[in-house]
Protein backbone atom coordinates (compact mmCIF):
# COMPACT_ATOMS: atom_id res chain seq x y z
CA UNK A 1 -93.75 47.60 -26.42
CA UNK A 2 -94.84 46.33 -30.09
CA UNK A 3 -96.00 42.80 -28.32
CA UNK A 4 -98.36 45.23 -25.97
CA UNK A 5 -99.90 46.85 -28.85
CA UNK A 6 -101.03 43.75 -30.64
CA UNK A 7 -102.08 42.13 -27.57
CA UNK A 8 -104.61 45.13 -27.24
CA UNK A 9 -105.16 45.11 -30.75
CA UNK A 10 -106.52 41.13 -30.64
CA UNK A 11 -108.31 41.80 -27.31
CA UNK A 12 -110.45 44.92 -29.24
CA UNK A 13 -111.41 42.55 -32.16
CA UNK A 14 -112.23 39.98 -30.03
CA UNK A 15 -115.10 42.24 -28.36
CA UNK A 16 -116.16 43.63 -31.96
CA UNK A 17 -116.87 40.41 -32.85
CA UNK A 18 -118.68 38.79 -29.78
CA UNK A 19 -120.92 42.01 -29.87
CA UNK A 20 -122.17 41.12 -33.33
CA UNK A 21 -126.08 39.18 -33.40
CA UNK A 22 -126.05 35.79 -34.57
CA UNK A 23 -127.95 35.09 -37.41
CA UNK A 24 -130.46 32.64 -38.27
CA UNK A 25 -129.36 31.77 -41.54
CA UNK A 26 -128.66 33.80 -45.25
CA UNK A 27 -127.28 36.68 -45.94
CA UNK A 28 -126.99 39.51 -43.11
CA UNK A 29 -126.34 43.22 -43.44
CA UNK A 30 -127.11 46.17 -41.24
CA UNK A 31 -128.88 49.86 -42.59
CA UNK A 32 -129.55 52.55 -40.16
CA UNK A 33 -127.98 50.44 -37.18
CA UNK A 34 -130.55 47.83 -37.72
CA UNK A 35 -129.53 45.03 -38.80
CA UNK A 36 -131.38 43.22 -41.79
CA UNK A 37 -131.19 39.58 -43.22
CA UNK A 38 -132.68 37.69 -45.94
CA UNK A 39 -134.03 34.06 -44.41
CA UNK A 40 -134.97 31.50 -47.83
CA UNK A 41 -137.76 29.19 -48.02
CA UNK A 42 -137.12 26.72 -50.51
CA UNK A 43 -138.61 23.74 -52.62
CA UNK A 44 -135.40 22.02 -54.02
CA UNK A 45 -133.41 21.64 -50.72
CA UNK A 46 -131.16 25.13 -51.32
CA UNK A 47 -133.16 27.36 -48.42
CA UNK A 48 -132.65 28.27 -44.78
CA UNK A 49 -135.75 26.42 -44.14
CA UNK A 50 -136.95 23.76 -46.70
CA UNK A 51 -140.43 22.66 -47.14
CA UNK A 52 -141.42 18.64 -47.88
CA UNK A 53 -144.60 18.94 -49.94
CA UNK A 54 -146.78 17.66 -47.30
CA UNK A 55 -147.72 21.15 -46.02
CA UNK A 56 -145.37 24.02 -46.96
CA UNK A 57 -147.06 26.40 -44.52
CA UNK A 58 -144.81 24.51 -42.03
CA UNK A 59 -141.64 25.57 -42.65
CA UNK A 60 -142.85 29.07 -44.26
CA UNK A 61 -144.29 29.96 -41.10
CA UNK A 62 -140.98 28.76 -39.03
CA UNK A 63 -139.23 31.04 -41.03
CA UNK A 64 -141.95 33.88 -40.33
CA UNK A 65 -141.77 33.10 -36.62
CA UNK A 66 -137.66 33.70 -37.12
CA UNK A 67 -138.17 36.70 -38.48
CA UNK A 68 -140.57 38.41 -35.87
CA UNK A 69 -137.82 38.11 -33.23
CA UNK A 70 -135.23 39.71 -35.86
CA UNK A 71 -136.93 42.99 -37.08
CA UNK A 72 -135.80 43.71 -40.77
CA UNK A 73 -135.58 40.42 -41.78
CA UNK A 74 -136.43 39.01 -44.98
CA UNK A 75 -138.16 35.99 -46.07
CA UNK A 76 -137.35 34.97 -49.32
CA UNK A 77 -139.29 32.28 -51.10
CA UNK A 78 -137.45 31.07 -54.15
CA UNK A 79 -138.63 29.93 -57.03
CA UNK A 80 -139.60 28.88 -59.82
CA UNK A 81 -141.64 26.91 -56.90
CA UNK A 82 -145.92 26.70 -55.99
CA UNK A 83 -146.19 26.71 -52.09
CA UNK A 84 -149.29 24.46 -51.27
CA UNK A 85 -150.44 25.87 -47.57
CA UNK A 86 -153.29 24.28 -45.28
CA UNK A 87 -152.65 27.06 -42.46
CA UNK A 88 -152.10 30.79 -42.47
CA UNK A 89 -149.10 32.54 -42.64
CA UNK A 90 -148.48 34.62 -40.25
CA UNK A 91 -146.49 37.68 -40.61
CA UNK A 92 -144.75 39.61 -37.47
CA UNK A 93 -143.36 43.31 -37.13
CA UNK A 94 -140.75 44.46 -39.12
CA UNK A 95 -141.08 41.32 -41.79
CA UNK A 96 -140.93 41.70 -45.33
CA UNK A 97 -142.26 38.76 -47.14
CA UNK A 98 -141.11 38.27 -50.96
CA UNK A 99 -140.92 35.67 -53.85
CA UNK A 100 -139.83 35.54 -56.67
CA UNK A 101 -141.70 36.14 -59.78
CA UNK A 102 -142.08 32.19 -61.03
CA UNK A 103 -143.64 31.59 -56.94
CA UNK A 104 -146.81 31.02 -56.40
CA UNK A 105 -148.46 30.27 -52.94
CA UNK A 106 -151.41 27.94 -53.05
CA UNK A 107 -154.28 27.22 -50.72
CA UNK A 108 -154.49 23.33 -50.40
CA UNK A 109 -157.19 21.01 -51.35
CA UNK A 110 -159.69 19.48 -48.33
CA UNK A 111 -159.31 21.99 -45.73
CA UNK A 112 -162.14 22.29 -43.08
CA UNK A 113 -164.15 25.60 -43.94
CA UNK A 114 -161.73 28.92 -42.69
CA UNK A 115 -164.09 31.67 -41.94
CA UNK A 116 -168.05 32.12 -42.80
CA UNK A 117 -170.38 34.88 -43.02
CA UNK A 118 -171.23 34.27 -39.12
CA UNK A 119 -167.63 34.98 -38.18
CA UNK A 120 -166.36 38.79 -36.79
CA UNK A 121 -163.72 40.22 -39.30
CA UNK A 122 -161.27 39.73 -36.89
CA UNK A 123 -161.79 35.80 -36.81
CA UNK A 124 -161.66 35.47 -40.67
CA UNK A 125 -158.74 33.28 -41.25
CA UNK A 126 -156.77 33.41 -44.34
CA UNK A 127 -153.69 32.42 -46.76
CA UNK A 128 -151.83 35.15 -45.56
CA UNK A 129 -152.74 37.08 -42.21
CA UNK A 130 -151.85 39.93 -39.48
CA UNK A 131 -154.00 39.06 -36.55
CA UNK A 132 -155.10 42.19 -34.63
CA UNK A 133 -152.90 44.69 -33.41
CA UNK A 134 -149.82 41.79 -33.96
CA UNK A 135 -147.46 43.49 -36.27
CA UNK A 136 -146.42 46.98 -37.54
CA UNK A 137 -144.43 47.68 -40.95
CA UNK A 138 -144.83 45.01 -42.87
CA UNK A 139 -144.10 44.14 -46.82
CA UNK A 140 -145.45 41.96 -49.03
CA UNK A 141 -144.79 42.02 -52.63
CA UNK A 142 -143.23 39.74 -55.96
CA UNK A 143 -145.92 36.65 -56.23
CA UNK A 144 -149.26 34.99 -57.28
CA UNK A 145 -151.26 34.25 -54.77
CA UNK A 146 -153.67 31.22 -55.48
CA UNK A 147 -157.02 30.67 -53.38
CA UNK A 148 -157.86 27.06 -55.70
CA UNK A 149 -161.38 28.18 -56.10
CA UNK A 150 -161.31 26.59 -59.66
CA UNK A 151 -159.27 24.10 -58.20
CA UNK A 152 -160.39 22.44 -55.09
CA UNK A 153 -163.42 24.42 -53.78
CA UNK A 154 -165.54 24.68 -56.73
CA UNK A 155 -168.25 24.23 -54.54
CA UNK A 156 -168.12 27.06 -51.87
CA UNK A 157 -170.43 29.62 -52.48
CA UNK A 158 -168.14 32.75 -53.46
CA UNK A 159 -168.50 35.71 -51.43
CA UNK A 160 -169.45 34.16 -48.05
CA UNK A 161 -166.38 35.13 -45.81
CA UNK A 162 -164.62 31.64 -46.84
CA UNK A 163 -160.89 31.34 -47.46
CA UNK A 164 -159.80 34.50 -47.75
CA UNK A 165 -156.48 35.51 -49.28
CA UNK A 166 -154.95 38.05 -46.90
CA UNK A 167 -156.89 39.29 -43.76
CA UNK A 168 -154.69 42.45 -42.10
CA UNK A 169 -156.12 43.73 -39.23
CA UNK A 170 -154.64 46.02 -36.75
CA UNK A 171 -151.45 46.71 -38.28
CA UNK A 172 -149.48 50.69 -38.80
CA UNK A 173 -147.37 50.59 -42.27
CA UNK A 174 -148.14 47.85 -44.77
CA UNK A 175 -147.20 47.85 -48.20
CA UNK A 176 -148.50 45.12 -50.39
CA UNK A 177 -146.28 45.56 -54.30
CA UNK A 178 -146.27 43.35 -57.41
CA UNK A 179 -148.02 40.21 -55.95
CA UNK A 180 -150.87 38.76 -58.09
CA UNK A 181 -153.96 37.37 -56.34
CA UNK A 182 -156.46 35.25 -58.32
CA UNK A 183 -158.64 32.21 -58.10
CA UNK A 184 -160.41 33.17 -54.53
CA UNK A 185 -163.72 32.09 -52.47
CA UNK A 186 -163.40 35.70 -50.93
CA UNK A 187 -161.62 38.95 -50.56
CA UNK A 188 -158.02 39.40 -52.02
CA UNK A 189 -157.42 41.55 -48.88
CA UNK A 190 -159.49 42.29 -46.37
CA UNK A 191 -157.38 45.18 -44.40
CA UNK A 192 -159.27 46.78 -41.08
CA UNK A 193 -158.28 48.97 -38.25
CA UNK A 194 -155.60 49.89 -39.74
CA UNK A 195 -152.93 52.17 -40.95
CA UNK A 196 -150.58 53.70 -43.13
CA UNK A 197 -151.63 51.32 -46.05
CA UNK A 198 -150.24 51.35 -49.74
CA UNK A 199 -151.28 49.05 -52.61
CA UNK A 200 -149.48 49.78 -55.58
CA UNK A 201 -148.76 47.42 -58.90
CA UNK A 202 -151.49 44.76 -57.38
CA UNK A 203 -153.64 42.26 -59.93
CA UNK A 204 -156.93 40.93 -58.55
CA UNK A 205 -158.35 38.38 -60.97
CA UNK A 206 -161.54 36.81 -60.07
CA UNK A 207 -161.67 36.67 -56.35
CA UNK A 208 -164.94 36.16 -54.37
CA UNK A 209 -165.88 39.05 -53.36
CA UNK A 210 -163.71 42.12 -52.62
CA UNK A 211 -160.41 42.75 -54.41
CA UNK A 212 -159.36 45.49 -51.95
CA UNK A 213 -162.06 45.74 -48.69
CA UNK A 214 -160.97 48.59 -46.49
CA UNK A 215 -162.83 48.72 -43.29
CA UNK A 216 -162.14 51.26 -40.89
CA UNK A 217 -158.65 52.86 -41.99
CA UNK A 218 -156.72 55.58 -41.87
CA UNK A 219 -154.29 56.35 -44.47
CA UNK A 220 -154.79 53.99 -47.70
CA UNK A 221 -153.63 54.37 -51.23
CA UNK A 222 -154.34 51.71 -53.27
CA UNK A 223 -152.96 52.95 -56.81
CA UNK A 224 -151.87 51.58 -60.46
CA UNK A 225 -153.28 48.17 -60.34
CA UNK A 226 -155.63 45.94 -62.61
CA UNK A 227 -158.98 44.59 -61.27
CA UNK A 228 -161.47 41.72 -62.70
CA UNK A 229 -164.42 41.45 -60.71
CA UNK A 230 -166.83 38.46 -60.61
CA UNK A 231 -168.50 39.33 -57.56
CA UNK A 232 -168.46 42.33 -55.71
CA UNK A 233 -166.25 45.89 -55.95
CA UNK A 234 -162.77 46.23 -57.25
CA UNK A 235 -162.45 48.35 -54.08
CA UNK A 236 -164.19 49.01 -50.89
CA UNK A 237 -163.94 51.69 -48.80
CA UNK A 238 -166.07 50.80 -45.57
CA UNK A 239 -165.33 53.88 -43.19
CA UNK A 240 -162.22 55.00 -44.45
CA UNK A 241 -160.18 58.49 -43.77
CA UNK A 242 -157.12 60.21 -45.99
CA UNK A 243 -157.44 58.02 -48.94
CA UNK A 244 -156.42 57.77 -52.26
CA UNK A 245 -157.59 55.52 -55.52
CA UNK A 246 -155.28 56.64 -58.57
CA UNK A 247 -154.74 54.99 -61.94
CA UNK A 248 -156.16 51.34 -61.42
CA UNK A 249 -157.55 49.89 -64.02
CA UNK A 250 -161.42 47.94 -63.19
CA UNK A 251 -163.41 46.10 -65.11
CA UNK A 252 -164.89 42.34 -65.22
CA UNK A 253 -164.89 39.43 -66.27
CA UNK A 254 -168.68 39.06 -66.72
CA UNK A 255 -169.93 39.36 -63.12
CA UNK A 256 -169.67 41.54 -59.86
CA UNK A 257 -170.23 45.16 -59.46
CA UNK A 258 -168.33 48.72 -59.09
CA UNK A 259 -164.91 49.88 -59.51
CA UNK A 260 -164.91 51.55 -56.32
CA UNK A 261 -167.80 50.91 -53.87
CA UNK A 262 -168.55 53.61 -50.79
CA UNK A 263 -169.53 53.02 -47.76
CA UNK A 264 -169.71 54.68 -44.23
CA UNK A 265 -168.37 57.93 -42.81
CA UNK A 266 -165.28 58.73 -45.33
CA UNK A 267 -163.20 62.10 -45.10
CA UNK A 268 -160.44 63.30 -47.07
CA UNK A 269 -160.55 60.87 -50.09
CA UNK A 270 -159.19 61.18 -53.75
CA UNK A 271 -160.03 59.27 -56.75
CA UNK A 272 -158.50 59.89 -59.91
CA UNK A 273 -156.72 58.55 -62.80
CA UNK A 274 -158.47 55.60 -63.20
CA UNK A 275 -160.33 53.37 -65.61
CA UNK A 276 -163.60 52.22 -65.18
CA UNK A 277 -164.69 49.76 -67.63
CA UNK A 278 -167.21 47.17 -68.86
CA UNK A 279 -169.27 47.31 -64.81
CA UNK A 280 -172.58 45.77 -64.35
CA UNK A 281 -173.28 48.49 -62.01
CA UNK A 282 -171.91 52.49 -61.99
CA UNK A 283 -168.48 52.82 -61.67
CA UNK A 284 -168.66 54.23 -58.49
CA UNK A 285 -171.10 53.76 -55.93
CA UNK A 286 -172.55 55.61 -53.20
CA UNK A 287 -174.38 53.41 -50.24
CA UNK A 288 -175.54 55.27 -47.00
CA UNK A 289 -172.17 57.63 -47.18
CA UNK A 290 -171.40 60.68 -45.00
CA UNK A 291 -168.79 62.01 -46.90
CA UNK A 292 -166.45 65.18 -46.46
CA UNK A 293 -163.58 66.01 -48.99
CA UNK A 294 -164.34 63.49 -51.21
CA UNK A 295 -163.14 64.28 -54.17
CA UNK A 296 -163.57 62.55 -57.62
CA UNK A 297 -162.17 63.36 -60.88
CA UNK A 298 -160.36 63.13 -63.88
CA UNK A 299 -161.37 58.98 -64.20
CA UNK A 300 -162.43 57.32 -67.53
CA UNK A 301 -165.63 55.76 -67.38
CA UNK A 302 -166.86 53.43 -70.50
């Protein structure tokens, strides 16, 4: 009888083990029935994917591709390290791309021109990218994105749509948190035809166009963030519904435009608790707008 019970226990154990999904490496847990996993990218040889210093976008994209096949996966960039990329990092559904605070993703030198004014929004290649309708439920957090303008691309005219830092198209459910965007030639974050967007505690320091450019977006919050303009506006809502701009600090490095630029058809927009200061034009600019329930209140303007 005891042997029969032990045999049955062994068989059940084997069946349980064979139903556990295979993982790609790193740490694996389970939350709410969804498998979650962390894949590490490193520059010191300790990662699941290890960059070789030639084109770090290759190994990072391999990690992101693996993550997209296993929704709920985090791709973690190990620091301290600067990852130089010569191609877009393509982020898939159910993926978190995070880095240590000592991580910088930097645009590599000597690249052909990405984008340009003749390109449509959907064609504007970027360092971080979600192509049209290719991903939902994405989180980006914790690291610095450096557009290399003063280092490698000082000859590129700012604001000509070249070398976006993030172009995120057709995504539902996006969080960008604790990320610094700096030293860019065009937009820090271009978000279009998307919904349910949360931008929280980011810093945009001297990009080449808008800090946040939200074009045809439904449900977007930009809060607790710092914007230092040098060409265009800190935040730009063009044809947006259900938007919140709250508790941001918007200023200039000596150039640029407004703290908040409003355009197109706008509905259900709340703007409050922001500090707009030392800007070369009005803190909030309305350009050819058709506005319904746009409430601007309790902001500090100097």
